[in-house]
N, C-alpha and C. Protein backbone atom coordinates (compact mmCIF):
# COMPACT_ATOMS: atom_id res chain seq x y z
N UNK A 1 -21.85 -3.33 -17.15
CA UNK A 1 -22.86 -3.86 -18.09
C UNK A 1 -22.14 -3.75 -19.58
N UNK A 2 -21.59 -2.67 -19.84
CA UNK A 2 -21.50 -2.46 -21.37
C UNK A 2 -20.38 -3.71 -21.62
N UNK A 3 -19.38 -3.79 -20.92
CA UNK A 3 -18.37 -4.97 -21.20
C UNK A 3 -19.21 -6.60 -21.05
N UNK A 4 -20.03 -6.35 -20.32
CA UNK A 4 -20.54 -7.69 -20.26
C UNK A 4 -21.60 -7.84 -21.73
N UNK A 5 -22.53 -6.74 -22.05
CA UNK A 5 -23.28 -6.59 -23.14
C UNK A 5 -22.47 -7.03 -24.15
N UNK A 6 -21.34 -6.83 -24.58
CA UNK A 6 -20.38 -6.97 -26.04
C UNK A 6 -19.76 -8.69 -26.11
N UNK A 7 -20.36 -9.34 -25.05
CA UNK A 7 -19.55 -10.61 -25.17
C UNK A 7 -19.85 -11.17 -26.17
N UNK A 8 -21.31 -11.25 -26.62
CA UNK A 8 -21.58 -12.03 -27.92
C UNK A 8 -20.94 -11.65 -29.35
N UNK A 9 -20.50 -10.34 -29.50
CA UNK A 9 -19.59 -9.92 -30.29
C UNK A 9 -18.23 -10.11 -30.42
N UNK A 10 -17.91 -10.78 -29.32
CA UNK A 10 -16.35 -10.91 -29.54
C UNK A 10 -16.02 -12.60 -29.85
N UNK A 11 -15.14 -12.70 -30.82
CA UNK A 11 -14.91 -13.73 -31.67
C UNK A 11 -13.48 -14.15 -31.21
N UNK A 12 -12.64 -13.51 -31.15
CA UNK A 12 -10.93 -13.73 -31.18
C UNK A 12 -10.77 -13.97 -29.39
N UNK A 13 -9.84 -14.69 -29.03
CA UNK A 13 -9.62 -15.26 -28.11
C UNK A 13 -9.01 -14.05 -27.29
N UNK A 14 -7.99 -13.39 -27.93
CA UNK A 14 -7.15 -11.96 -27.66
C UNK A 14 -8.05 -10.97 -27.18
N UNK A 15 -9.17 -10.94 -27.69
CA UNK A 15 -10.33 -9.92 -27.28
C UNK A 15 -10.92 -10.60 -25.99
N UNK A 16 -11.58 -11.69 -25.79
CA UNK A 16 -11.70 -12.10 -24.59
C UNK A 16 -11.10 -12.04 -23.31
N UNK A 17 -9.64 -12.31 -23.53
CA UNK A 17 -8.86 -11.95 -22.83
C UNK A 17 -8.66 -10.34 -22.20
N UNK A 18 -8.90 -9.73 -23.10
CA UNK A 18 -8.87 -8.21 -23.06
C UNK A 18 -10.28 -7.82 -21.94
N UNK A 19 -11.37 -8.33 -22.81
CA UNK A 19 -12.58 -7.75 -21.90
C UNK A 19 -12.32 -8.38 -20.43
N UNK A 20 -12.07 -9.97 -20.23
CA UNK A 20 -11.71 -10.38 -18.90
C UNK A 20 -10.96 -9.24 -18.13
N UNK A 21 -9.56 -8.81 -18.82
CA UNK A 21 -8.80 -7.70 -17.98
C UNK A 21 -9.61 -6.56 -17.56
N UNK A 22 -10.42 -6.16 -18.64
CA UNK A 22 -10.93 -4.92 -18.26
C UNK A 22 -12.13 -5.20 -16.98
N UNK A 23 -12.67 -6.40 -17.11
CA UNK A 23 -13.42 -6.24 -15.69
C UNK A 23 -12.80 -6.74 -14.60
N UNK A 24 -12.09 -7.32 -14.65
CA UNK A 24 -11.22 -7.47 -13.48
C UNK A 24 -10.40 -6.23 -12.74
N UNK A 25 -9.96 -5.45 -13.70
CA UNK A 25 -8.98 -4.08 -13.22
C UNK A 25 -10.33 -3.49 -12.94
N UNK A 26 -11.47 -3.17 -13.44
CA UNK A 26 -12.31 -2.40 -13.01
C UNK A 26 -13.10 -2.39 -11.61
N UNK A 27 -13.05 -3.90 -11.32
CA UNK A 27 -13.53 -4.15 -9.90
C UNK A 27 -12.49 -3.64 -9.09
N UNK A 28 -11.22 -3.85 -9.68
CA UNK A 28 -9.89 -3.25 -8.51
C UNK A 28 -10.25 -1.82 -8.29
N UNK A 29 -10.33 -0.83 -9.32
CA UNK A 29 -10.33 0.36 -9.40
C UNK A 29 -11.36 0.85 -8.48
N UNK A 30 -12.68 0.13 -8.79
CA UNK A 30 -13.63 0.52 -7.75
C UNK A 30 -13.31 0.04 -6.43
N UNK A 31 -13.12 -0.79 -5.89
CA UNK A 31 -12.55 -1.07 -4.53
C UNK A 31 -11.69 -0.17 -4.02
N UNK A 32 -10.56 0.33 -4.93
CA UNK A 32 -9.58 1.45 -4.60
C UNK A 32 -10.35 2.65 -3.85
N UNK A 33 -11.62 3.14 -4.79
CA UNK A 33 -12.46 4.08 -4.64
C UNK A 33 -13.01 3.90 -3.33
N UNK A 34 -13.57 2.89 -2.85
CA UNK A 34 -14.35 2.57 -1.96
C UNK A 34 -13.74 2.60 -0.44
N UNK A 35 -12.23 1.99 -0.67
CA UNK A 35 -11.30 2.10 0.28
C UNK A 35 -10.79 3.44 1.06
N UNK A 36 -10.57 4.36 -0.34
CA UNK A 36 -10.40 5.78 -0.25
C UNK A 36 -11.38 6.48 0.47
N UNK A 37 -12.73 5.85 0.29
CA UNK A 37 -14.04 6.73 0.93
C UNK A 37 -14.00 6.50 2.66
N UNK A 38 -13.30 5.39 2.52
CA UNK A 38 -13.59 4.60 4.04
C UNK A 38 -12.33 5.30 5.10
N UNK A 39 -11.22 5.82 4.25
CA UNK A 39 -10.36 6.50 4.99
C UNK A 39 -10.96 7.77 5.17
N UNK A 40 -11.11 8.28 4.20
CA UNK A 40 -12.04 9.75 4.72
C UNK A 40 -13.13 9.85 5.51
N UNK A 41 -13.84 8.55 5.72
CA UNK A 41 -14.68 8.25 7.08
C UNK A 41 -13.89 8.61 8.12
N UNK A 42 -12.96 7.72 8.09
CA UNK A 42 -11.99 7.59 9.77
C UNK A 42 -11.33 8.81 10.07
N UNK A 43 -11.07 9.57 9.04
CA UNK A 43 -10.46 11.07 9.13
C UNK A 43 -11.45 11.99 9.97
N UNK A 44 -12.59 12.23 9.24
CA UNK A 44 -13.55 12.82 9.36
C UNK A 44 -14.12 12.32 11.06
N UNK A 45 -13.92 10.82 11.12
CA UNK A 45 -14.48 11.00 12.86
C UNK A 45 -13.44 11.12 13.82
N UNK A 46 -12.02 11.17 13.07
CA UNK A 46 -11.27 11.76 14.01
C UNK A 46 -11.42 13.55 14.27
N UNK A 47 -11.86 14.03 13.40
CA UNK A 47 -12.03 15.32 13.02
C UNK A 47 -13.39 15.76 14.56
N UNK A 48 -14.33 15.32 13.70
CA UNK A 48 -15.22 15.21 14.94
C UNK A 48 -15.46 14.89 16.23
N UNK A 49 -14.63 14.37 16.56
CA UNK A 49 -14.09 13.97 17.81
C UNK A 49 -13.29 14.87 19.08
N UNK A 50 -12.67 15.85 17.77
CA UNK A 50 -12.05 16.87 18.95
C UNK A 50 -10.50 16.16 19.14
N UNK A 51 -10.25 15.35 19.11
CA UNK A 51 -8.83 14.33 19.16
C UNK A 51 -8.00 14.94 18.13
N UNK A 52 -6.91 14.96 18.44
CA UNK A 52 -5.61 14.87 17.80
C UNK A 52 -4.51 13.93 17.83
N UNK A 53 -3.97 13.29 16.78
CA UNK A 53 -3.19 12.32 16.51
C UNK A 53 -1.65 12.82 17.32
N UNK A 54 -0.74 12.08 17.65
CA UNK A 54 0.42 12.84 18.10
C UNK A 54 1.31 13.21 17.20
N UNK A 55 2.08 13.77 17.39
CA UNK A 55 2.64 14.32 16.25
C UNK A 55 4.07 13.05 15.42
N UNK A 56 4.26 12.23 16.35
CA UNK A 56 4.59 10.97 15.72
C UNK A 56 3.72 10.21 14.60
N UNK A 57 2.56 9.79 15.82
CA UNK A 57 1.46 9.00 14.91
C UNK A 57 1.50 9.79 13.46
N UNK A 58 1.29 11.04 13.37
CA UNK A 58 0.63 11.62 11.90
C UNK A 58 2.05 11.51 11.03
N UNK A 59 3.29 11.82 11.75
CA UNK A 59 4.58 11.51 10.82
C UNK A 59 4.41 10.22 10.18
N UNK A 60 4.28 9.31 11.08
CA UNK A 60 4.22 7.68 10.49
C UNK A 60 3.31 7.42 9.69
N UNK A 61 2.27 7.97 9.97
CA UNK A 61 1.10 7.91 8.92
C UNK A 61 1.53 8.14 7.43
N UNK A 62 2.32 9.43 7.65
CA UNK A 62 2.48 9.99 6.12
C UNK A 62 3.44 9.17 5.72
N UNK A 63 4.40 8.57 6.15
CA UNK A 63 5.03 7.51 5.59
C UNK A 63 4.48 6.27 4.90
N UNK A 64 3.37 5.84 5.75
CA UNK A 64 2.41 4.88 4.87
C UNK A 64 1.78 5.29 3.73
N UNK A 65 1.30 6.43 3.91
CA UNK A 65 0.43 7.34 2.87
C UNK A 65 1.14 7.50 1.61
N UNK A 66 2.67 7.86 1.60
CA UNK A 66 3.58 8.16 1.01
C UNK A 66 3.85 6.74 0.19
N UNK A 67 3.87 6.04 0.81
CA UNK A 67 4.15 4.53 -0.05
C UNK A 67 3.24 4.04 -0.82
N UNK A 68 1.69 4.26 -0.13
CA UNK A 68 0.76 3.69 -0.82
C UNK A 68 0.30 4.63 -2.15
N UNK A 69 0.85 6.04 -1.96
CA UNK A 69 0.62 6.91 -3.12
C UNK A 69 1.68 6.62 -4.34
N UNK A 70 3.05 6.10 -3.95
CA UNK A 70 3.79 5.48 -4.84
C UNK A 70 3.42 4.31 -5.83
N UNK A 71 2.90 3.44 -5.05
CA UNK A 71 2.10 2.46 -5.71
C UNK A 71 1.10 2.57 -6.59
N UNK A 72 -0.24 3.53 -6.10
CA UNK A 72 -1.09 3.88 -6.73
C UNK A 72 -0.50 4.27 -8.17
N UNK A 73 0.39 5.26 -7.91
CA UNK A 73 1.06 5.96 -9.47
C UNK A 73 1.66 4.97 -10.22
N UNK A 74 2.50 4.01 -9.38
CA UNK A 74 3.30 3.05 -10.31
C UNK A 74 2.14 2.32 -10.99
N UNK A 75 0.98 2.00 -10.61
CA UNK A 75 0.12 0.87 -11.07
C UNK A 75 -0.67 1.29 -12.25
N UNK A 76 -0.89 3.00 -11.90
CA UNK A 76 -1.88 3.46 -12.51
C UNK A 76 -1.02 3.83 -13.98
N UNK A 77 0.22 4.14 -13.58
CA UNK A 77 1.33 4.35 -15.15
C UNK A 77 1.31 2.88 -15.83
N UNK A 78 1.32 2.24 -14.92
CA UNK A 78 1.74 0.86 -15.86
C UNK A 78 0.31 0.26 -16.65
N UNK A 79 -0.94 0.54 -16.25
CA UNK A 79 -2.13 0.37 -16.77
C UNK A 79 -2.23 1.51 -18.13
N UNK A 80 -2.19 2.40 -17.56
CA UNK A 80 -2.08 3.43 -19.13
C UNK A 80 -1.38 3.08 -19.84
N UNK A 81 0.04 2.79 -19.82
CA UNK A 81 0.96 2.24 -20.69
C UNK A 81 0.96 0.80 -21.24
N UNK A 82 0.24 0.13 -20.53
CA UNK A 82 0.24 -1.27 -20.29
C UNK A 82 1.82 -1.81 -20.42
N UNK A 83 2.64 -1.55 -19.56
CA UNK A 83 3.92 -1.68 -19.33
C UNK A 83 4.46 -2.66 -18.40
N UNK A 84 4.80 -3.91 -18.77
CA UNK A 84 4.70 -4.89 -17.84
C UNK A 84 6.32 -4.78 -17.09
N UNK A 85 7.22 -3.95 -17.65
CA UNK A 85 8.03 -3.95 -16.69
C UNK A 85 8.07 -2.79 -15.60
N UNK A 86 7.20 -2.19 -15.86
CA UNK A 86 6.87 -1.34 -14.91
C UNK A 86 5.75 -1.72 -13.89
N UNK A 87 4.85 -2.96 -14.25
CA UNK A 87 4.06 -3.50 -13.66
C UNK A 87 4.82 -4.18 -12.68
N UNK A 88 5.85 -4.82 -12.94
CA UNK A 88 6.83 -5.67 -11.97
C UNK A 88 7.22 -4.90 -10.76
N UNK A 89 7.23 -3.47 -11.27
CA UNK A 89 7.83 -3.00 -9.78
C UNK A 89 7.07 -2.90 -8.78
N UNK A 90 5.56 -3.18 -8.95
CA UNK A 90 4.47 -3.29 -8.28
C UNK A 90 4.70 -4.19 -6.60
N UNK A 91 4.83 -5.45 -7.16
CA UNK A 91 4.50 -6.45 -6.31
C UNK A 91 5.92 -6.06 -5.20
N UNK A 92 7.19 -6.23 -5.25
CA UNK A 92 7.69 -5.77 -4.38
C UNK A 92 7.59 -4.62 -3.52
N UNK A 93 7.05 -3.40 -4.06
CA UNK A 93 6.47 -2.44 -3.10
C UNK A 93 5.35 -2.69 -2.37
N UNK A 94 4.09 -3.88 -3.00
CA UNK A 94 3.28 -4.16 -2.03
C UNK A 94 3.96 -5.14 -0.89
N UNK A 95 4.60 -5.86 -1.34
CA UNK A 95 5.09 -6.54 0.07
C UNK A 95 5.72 -5.72 1.00
N UNK A 96 6.25 -4.77 0.90
CA UNK A 96 7.31 -3.82 1.70
C UNK A 96 6.27 -2.92 2.28
N UNK A 97 5.17 -2.67 1.54
CA UNK A 97 3.87 -1.99 2.44
C UNK A 97 3.19 -2.67 3.38
N UNK A 98 3.34 -4.16 3.05
CA UNK A 98 2.62 -5.22 4.17
C UNK A 98 3.38 -4.94 5.37
N UNK A 99 4.68 -5.06 5.15
CA UNK A 99 5.87 -5.31 6.26
C UNK A 99 5.56 -3.66 7.13
N UNK A 100 5.56 -2.80 6.18
CA UNK A 100 5.47 -1.30 6.95
C UNK A 100 4.19 -1.20 7.35
N UNK A 101 3.16 -1.79 7.38
CA UNK A 101 2.02 -1.81 8.09
C UNK A 101 2.09 -2.48 9.25
N UNK A 102 2.69 -3.49 9.45
CA UNK A 102 2.95 -4.04 10.60
C UNK A 102 3.85 -3.29 11.54
N UNK A 103 4.89 -2.71 10.98
CA UNK A 103 5.59 -1.84 11.77
C UNK A 103 5.26 -0.32 12.58
N UNK A 104 4.02 -0.15 11.70
CA UNK A 104 3.03 1.17 11.83
C UNK A 104 2.30 0.51 13.08
N UNK A 105 1.92 -0.48 12.79
CA UNK A 105 0.76 -0.78 13.94
C UNK A 105 1.30 -1.06 15.06
N UNK A 106 2.90 -1.72 15.20
CA UNK A 106 3.50 -2.09 16.38
C UNK A 106 3.93 -0.74 16.95
N UNK A 107 4.33 0.33 16.19
CA UNK A 107 4.54 1.62 16.97
C UNK A 107 3.16 1.87 17.73
N UNK A 108 2.32 1.85 17.16
CA UNK A 108 1.23 2.64 17.59
C UNK A 108 0.48 2.23 19.11
N UNK A 109 0.75 0.69 18.85
CA UNK A 109 0.54 0.07 20.03
C UNK A 109 1.34 0.14 20.73
N UNK A 110 2.40 0.38 20.81
CA UNK A 110 3.52 1.24 21.93
C UNK A 110 3.23 2.38 22.60
N UNK A 111 2.72 3.22 21.35
CA UNK A 111 2.37 4.66 21.83
C UNK A 111 0.97 4.56 22.92
N UNK A 112 0.16 3.40 22.74
CA UNK A 112 -1.15 3.40 23.29
C UNK A 112 -0.59 2.94 24.85
N UNK A 113 0.28 1.99 24.89
CA UNK A 113 0.51 1.15 26.00
C UNK A 113 1.10 2.39 27.00
N UNK A 114 1.87 3.55 26.30
CA UNK A 114 2.59 4.64 27.09
C UNK A 114 1.45 5.90 27.31
N UNK A 115 0.49 5.47 26.97
CA UNK A 115 -1.16 6.41 27.27
C UNK A 115 -0.73 7.93 26.26
N UNK A 116 -0.05 7.61 25.44
CA UNK A 116 -0.01 8.80 24.22
C UNK A 116 -0.84 9.03 23.12
N UNK A 117 -1.90 8.02 23.24
CA UNK A 117 -3.05 7.93 22.19
C UNK A 117 -4.26 6.99 22.85
N UNK A 118 -5.42 7.74 23.17
CA UNK A 118 -6.50 6.83 23.53
C UNK A 118 -6.89 5.46 22.71
N UNK A 119 -7.78 5.11 23.08
CA UNK A 119 -8.30 3.74 22.69
C UNK A 119 -8.82 4.12 21.05
N UNK A 120 -9.74 5.34 21.12
CA UNK A 120 -10.70 5.52 20.21
C UNK A 120 -9.67 6.16 18.77
N UNK A 121 -8.60 6.89 19.18
CA UNK A 121 -7.90 7.38 17.87
C UNK A 121 -7.05 5.98 17.58
N UNK A 122 -6.59 5.32 18.55
CA UNK A 122 -6.03 4.16 18.13
C UNK A 122 -6.56 2.97 16.89
N UNK A 123 -7.96 2.94 17.22
CA UNK A 123 -8.93 2.04 16.70
C UNK A 123 -8.91 2.66 14.98
N UNK A 124 -9.39 4.22 15.19
CA UNK A 124 -9.18 4.92 14.06
C UNK A 124 -7.86 4.92 13.10
N UNK A 125 -6.92 4.98 13.86
CA UNK A 125 -5.47 4.54 13.32
C UNK A 125 -5.36 3.41 12.64
N UNK A 126 -5.52 2.49 13.27
CA UNK A 126 -5.41 1.09 12.89
C UNK A 126 -6.34 0.97 11.70
N UNK A 127 -7.48 1.27 11.58
CA UNK A 127 -8.61 1.14 10.64
C UNK A 127 -7.86 2.02 9.22
N UNK A 128 -7.25 3.31 9.33
CA UNK A 128 -6.79 3.79 8.34
C UNK A 128 -5.79 2.65 7.63
N UNK A 129 -4.71 2.62 8.71
CA UNK A 129 -3.59 1.51 8.13
C UNK A 129 -4.26 0.23 7.25
N UNK A 130 -5.38 -0.45 7.77
CA UNK A 130 -5.88 -1.43 7.09
C UNK A 130 -6.44 -1.29 5.58
N UNK A 131 -7.22 0.03 5.67
CA UNK A 131 -7.62 0.22 3.97
C UNK A 131 -6.28 0.77 3.49
N UNK A 132 -5.31 1.56 4.13
CA UNK A 132 -4.16 1.63 3.11
C UNK A 132 -3.62 0.38 2.53
N UNK A 133 -3.53 -0.70 3.29
CA UNK A 133 -2.65 -1.91 3.05
C UNK A 133 -3.86 -2.23 1.87
N UNK A 134 -5.14 -1.99 2.30
CA UNK A 134 -6.18 -2.68 0.88
C UNK A 134 -5.72 -2.33 -0.23
N UNK A 135 -5.50 -1.00 -0.63
CA UNK A 135 -5.30 -0.39 -1.48
C UNK A 135 -4.16 -0.63 -2.20
N UNK A 136 -3.33 -1.44 -1.66
CA UNK A 136 -1.79 -1.46 -1.84
C UNK A 136 -2.23 -3.27 -2.73
N UNK A 137 -3.07 -3.69 -2.04
CA UNK A 137 -3.30 -5.49 -2.45
C UNK A 137 -4.22 -4.94 -3.66
N UNK A 138 -5.08 -4.13 -4.13
CA UNK A 138 -5.30 -4.09 -5.53
C UNK A 138 -4.89 -3.51 -6.28
N UNK A 139 -3.80 -2.66 -5.91
CA UNK A 139 -2.59 -2.73 -6.95
C UNK A 139 -1.75 -3.87 -7.29
N UNK A 140 -1.57 -4.28 -6.54
CA UNK A 140 -0.84 -5.96 -6.69
C UNK A 140 -1.79 -6.76 -7.80
N UNK A 141 -2.85 -6.91 -7.51
CA UNK A 141 -3.85 -7.60 -8.49
C UNK A 141 -3.82 -6.90 -10.04
N UNK A 142 -3.83 -5.61 -10.02
CA UNK A 142 -3.89 -5.00 -11.13
C UNK A 142 -2.66 -5.29 -11.73
N UNK A 143 -1.56 -5.20 -11.25
CA UNK A 143 -0.34 -5.49 -11.65
C UNK A 143 -0.07 -6.71 -12.32
N UNK A 144 -0.58 -7.83 -11.37
CA UNK A 144 -0.35 -9.34 -12.16
C UNK A 144 -1.72 -9.44 -13.51
N UNK A 145 -2.89 -8.85 -13.26
CA UNK A 145 -3.61 -8.76 -14.66
C UNK A 145 -2.84 -8.22 -15.86
N UNK A 146 -2.17 -6.98 -15.59
CA UNK A 146 -1.23 -6.41 -16.93
C UNK A 146 -0.11 -7.52 -17.23
N UNK A 147 0.28 -8.00 -16.34
CA UNK A 147 1.43 -9.29 -16.30
C UNK A 147 1.04 -10.29 -17.36
N UNK A 148 -0.26 -11.09 -17.28
CA UNK A 148 -0.93 -11.88 -17.41
C UNK A 148 -1.33 -11.71 -18.76
N UNK A 149 -1.72 -10.42 -19.52
CA UNK A 149 -2.19 -10.21 -20.87
C UNK A 149 -0.93 -10.66 -21.70
N UNK A 150 0.20 -10.59 -21.27
CA UNK A 150 1.23 -10.60 -22.23
C UNK A 150 2.21 -11.97 -21.65
N UNK A 151 1.81 -12.59 -20.88
CA UNK A 151 2.62 -13.84 -20.14
C UNK A 151 2.02 -14.74 -19.66
N UNK A 152 1.94 -15.92 -20.74
CA UNK A 152 0.55 -16.81 -20.73
C UNK A 152 1.30 -17.97 -19.47
N UNK A 153 2.16 -17.92 -18.99
CA UNK A 153 2.38 -18.89 -17.80
C UNK A 153 1.74 -18.50 -16.70
N UNK A 154 1.66 -16.78 -16.49
CA UNK A 154 0.96 -16.56 -15.37
C UNK A 154 -0.49 -16.65 -15.33
N UNK A 155 -1.17 -16.69 -16.71
CA UNK A 155 -2.52 -16.94 -16.91
C UNK A 155 -3.32 -18.21 -16.14
N UNK A 156 -4.23 -17.63 -15.38
CA UNK A 156 -5.21 -18.78 -14.80
C UNK A 156 -4.57 -18.92 -13.14
N UNK A 157 -3.41 -18.58 -13.12
CA UNK A 157 -2.61 -19.02 -11.92
C UNK A 157 -1.85 -17.80 -11.28
N UNK A 158 -2.48 -16.78 -11.19
CA UNK A 158 -2.04 -15.48 -10.44
C UNK A 158 -1.78 -15.64 -9.13
N UNK A 159 -2.55 -16.13 -8.26
CA UNK A 159 -2.26 -16.48 -6.83
C UNK A 159 -0.85 -17.35 -6.63
N UNK A 160 -0.92 -17.99 -7.42
CA UNK A 160 0.39 -18.97 -7.19
C UNK A 160 1.48 -18.20 -7.58
N UNK A 161 1.35 -17.31 -8.69
CA UNK A 161 2.36 -16.96 -9.29
C UNK A 161 2.76 -15.78 -8.13
N UNK A 162 2.03 -15.03 -7.57
CA UNK A 162 2.36 -14.09 -6.14
C UNK A 162 3.11 -14.66 -5.46
N UNK A 163 2.65 -15.75 -4.87
CA UNK A 163 3.14 -16.72 -3.56
C UNK A 163 4.32 -16.88 -4.02
N UNK A 164 4.45 -17.69 -5.02
CA UNK A 164 5.81 -18.36 -5.53
C UNK A 164 6.85 -16.76 -5.89
N UNK A 165 6.75 -15.80 -6.08
CA UNK A 165 7.19 -14.39 -6.10
C UNK A 165 7.87 -14.01 -4.88
N UNK A 166 6.96 -14.04 -3.95
CA UNK A 166 7.22 -13.52 -2.60
C UNK A 166 8.29 -14.80 -1.93
N UNK A 167 8.12 -15.79 -2.24
CA UNK A 167 9.09 -16.64 -1.44
C UNK A 167 10.25 -17.47 -2.38
N UNK A 168 10.49 -17.04 -3.26
CA UNK A 168 11.92 -17.38 -4.18
C UNK A 168 12.57 -16.45 -4.08
N UNK A 169 13.75 -16.60 -4.62
CA UNK A 169 14.86 -15.61 -4.74
C UNK A 169 15.27 -15.30 -5.65
N UNK A 170 14.19 -14.92 -6.56
CA UNK A 170 14.32 -13.90 -7.65
C UNK A 170 15.15 -12.60 -7.43
N UNK A 171 16.35 -12.15 -8.04
CA UNK A 171 17.17 -11.19 -7.60
C UNK A 171 16.46 -10.09 -8.14
N UNK A 172 15.57 -10.03 -8.95
CA UNK A 172 14.93 -8.55 -9.69
C UNK A 172 14.22 -8.07 -8.36
N UNK A 173 13.36 -9.01 -7.80
CA UNK A 173 12.06 -8.72 -6.99
C UNK A 173 12.61 -8.39 -5.73
N UNK A 174 14.02 -9.02 -5.43
CA UNK A 174 14.83 -9.06 -3.79
C UNK A 174 15.15 -7.92 -3.87
N UNK A 175 16.26 -7.20 -5.39
CA UNK A 175 16.51 -5.89 -5.21
C UNK A 175 15.80 -4.91 -4.99
N UNK A 176 14.64 -5.10 -5.97
CA UNK A 176 13.44 -3.99 -5.64
C UNK A 176 12.94 -3.78 -4.50
N UNK A 177 12.43 -4.88 -3.91
CA UNK A 177 11.97 -4.93 -2.43
C UNK A 177 13.33 -4.13 -1.51
N UNK A 178 14.13 -4.52 -1.43
CA UNK A 178 15.34 -3.83 -0.60
C UNK A 178 15.59 -2.47 -0.87
N UNK A 179 15.09 -2.20 -2.17
CA UNK A 179 15.53 -0.52 -2.55
C UNK A 179 14.22 0.44 -1.51
N UNK A 180 13.06 -0.50 -1.85
CA UNK A 180 11.66 -0.14 -1.24
C UNK A 180 11.81 0.29 0.15
N UNK A 181 12.35 -0.69 0.73
CA UNK A 181 12.37 -0.87 2.06
C UNK A 181 13.21 0.08 2.69
N UNK A 182 14.51 0.23 2.08
CA UNK A 182 15.44 1.21 2.84
C UNK A 182 14.81 2.39 2.38
N UNK A 183 13.93 3.05 1.25
CA UNK A 183 13.59 4.15 1.23
C UNK A 183 12.49 4.58 2.30
N UNK A 184 11.61 3.62 2.64
CA UNK A 184 10.64 4.05 3.84
C UNK A 184 10.99 3.58 5.01
N UNK A 185 11.49 2.61 5.53
CA UNK A 185 12.02 2.45 6.94
C UNK A 185 13.12 3.13 7.16
N UNK A 186 14.09 4.01 6.28
CA UNK A 186 14.78 4.81 6.86
C UNK A 186 14.08 5.95 7.43
N UNK A 187 12.92 6.34 6.61
CA UNK A 187 12.48 7.43 7.51
C UNK A 187 11.74 7.48 8.73
N UNK A 188 11.39 5.92 8.59
CA UNK A 188 10.21 5.71 9.80
C UNK A 188 11.56 5.55 11.16
N UNK A 189 12.50 5.20 10.73
CA UNK A 189 13.58 4.97 12.22
C UNK A 189 13.59 6.24 12.66
N UNK A 190 13.76 7.34 11.92
CA UNK A 190 14.05 8.75 12.00
C UNK A 190 12.67 9.31 13.27
N UNK A 191 11.96 8.64 13.02
CA UNK A 191 10.79 9.32 14.16
C UNK A 191 10.31 8.86 15.49
N UNK A 192 10.95 9.83 16.20
CA UNK A 192 10.41 9.02 18.04
C UNK A 192 9.39 8.56 17.80
N UNK A 193 8.93 7.29 18.61
CA UNK A 193 7.90 6.87 19.08
C UNK A 193 7.19 7.36 19.97
N UNK A 194 7.87 7.98 20.85
CA UNK A 194 6.80 8.80 22.15
C UNK A 194 7.39 9.93 22.17
N UNK A 195 6.70 10.94 23.10
CA UNK A 195 7.05 12.60 22.79
C UNK A 195 8.28 12.53 23.94
N UNK A 196 8.62 11.58 24.65
CA UNK A 196 9.72 11.93 25.62
C UNK A 196 11.10 11.44 24.75
N UNK A 197 10.78 10.74 24.00
CA UNK A 197 11.93 10.24 23.01
C UNK A 197 12.32 11.29 22.45
N UNK A 198 11.20 12.21 21.77
CA UNK A 198 11.57 13.02 20.95
C UNK A 198 12.41 14.23 21.69
N UNK A 199 11.59 14.70 22.81
CA UNK A 199 12.31 15.43 23.35
C UNK A 199 13.92 15.08 24.04
N UNK A 200 14.30 13.86 24.17
CA UNK A 200 15.25 13.23 24.57
C UNK A 200 16.08 13.46 22.81
N UNK A 201 15.67 13.12 21.96
CA UNK A 201 16.40 13.20 20.70
C UNK A 201 17.10 14.57 20.32
N UNK A 202 15.78 15.59 20.77
CA UNK A 202 16.18 16.77 20.41
C UNK A 202 17.30 17.80 21.49
N UNK A 203 17.20 16.84 22.91
CA UNK A 203 18.21 17.54 23.71
C UNK A 203 19.50 16.83 22.95
N UNK A 204 19.91 15.71 22.60
CA UNK A 204 21.08 15.38 22.39
C UNK A 204 21.40 16.14 20.91
N UNK A 205 20.51 16.53 20.19
CA UNK A 205 20.93 17.22 19.02
C UNK A 205 21.56 18.71 19.52
N UNK A 206 21.32 19.25 20.60
CA UNK A 206 21.69 20.40 20.84
C UNK A 206 23.11 20.19 21.89
N UNK A 207 22.85 19.04 22.52
CA UNK A 207 24.20 18.87 23.10
C UNK A 207 25.65 18.50 21.86
N UNK A 208 25.03 17.65 20.92
CA UNK A 208 26.16 17.90 20.23
C UNK A 208 26.74 19.19 19.19
N UNK A 209 25.32 20.12 19.44
CA UNK A 209 25.98 21.09 18.57
C UNK A 209 26.84 22.21 19.20
N UNK A 210 26.82 21.81 21.10
CA UNK A 210 27.63 22.46 21.91
C UNK A 210 29.12 22.01 21.84
């Protein structure tokens, strides 16, 4: 309400752009808060059900949470400092998180098909992943809004810019994406999808020691 009420007092284009930026990013941060609350609802529902996710599911979810924690911290720091270079690191991480969520969903469906997770837990798990991906998407929007404050060629064509970036051969984007992918997917492949696979992996470890 405050940002809207001062409209009549704004005279310079730069100030109009700043007001627009503050309005758009406020909506993003509000949405991040809503998504975070929805995650707590899902976790509380699991707790109240008396059910427990498998160790593999919990370990995999931790990988996803850590990735979203990083994108939140990067975005917030870029926002506080109005740092365009830092904001550029967000989009490659966001695309990696999209891929990571697909991989986590695939692995969890595999568990459900092998009766290591029931349908109720599976739905809540996928619900949490969906909210984490939504938080990542909001971070992407904020980072683009930061960049457009300083780069006129992005202004007014934010979605087109993001689309082109994802389908380009931009060396900086690709390098950041590959680094992010290696960081998180290397952790994921170390987690056995099923308890039986975990037992076999532990057995192989002991055999190797002897």
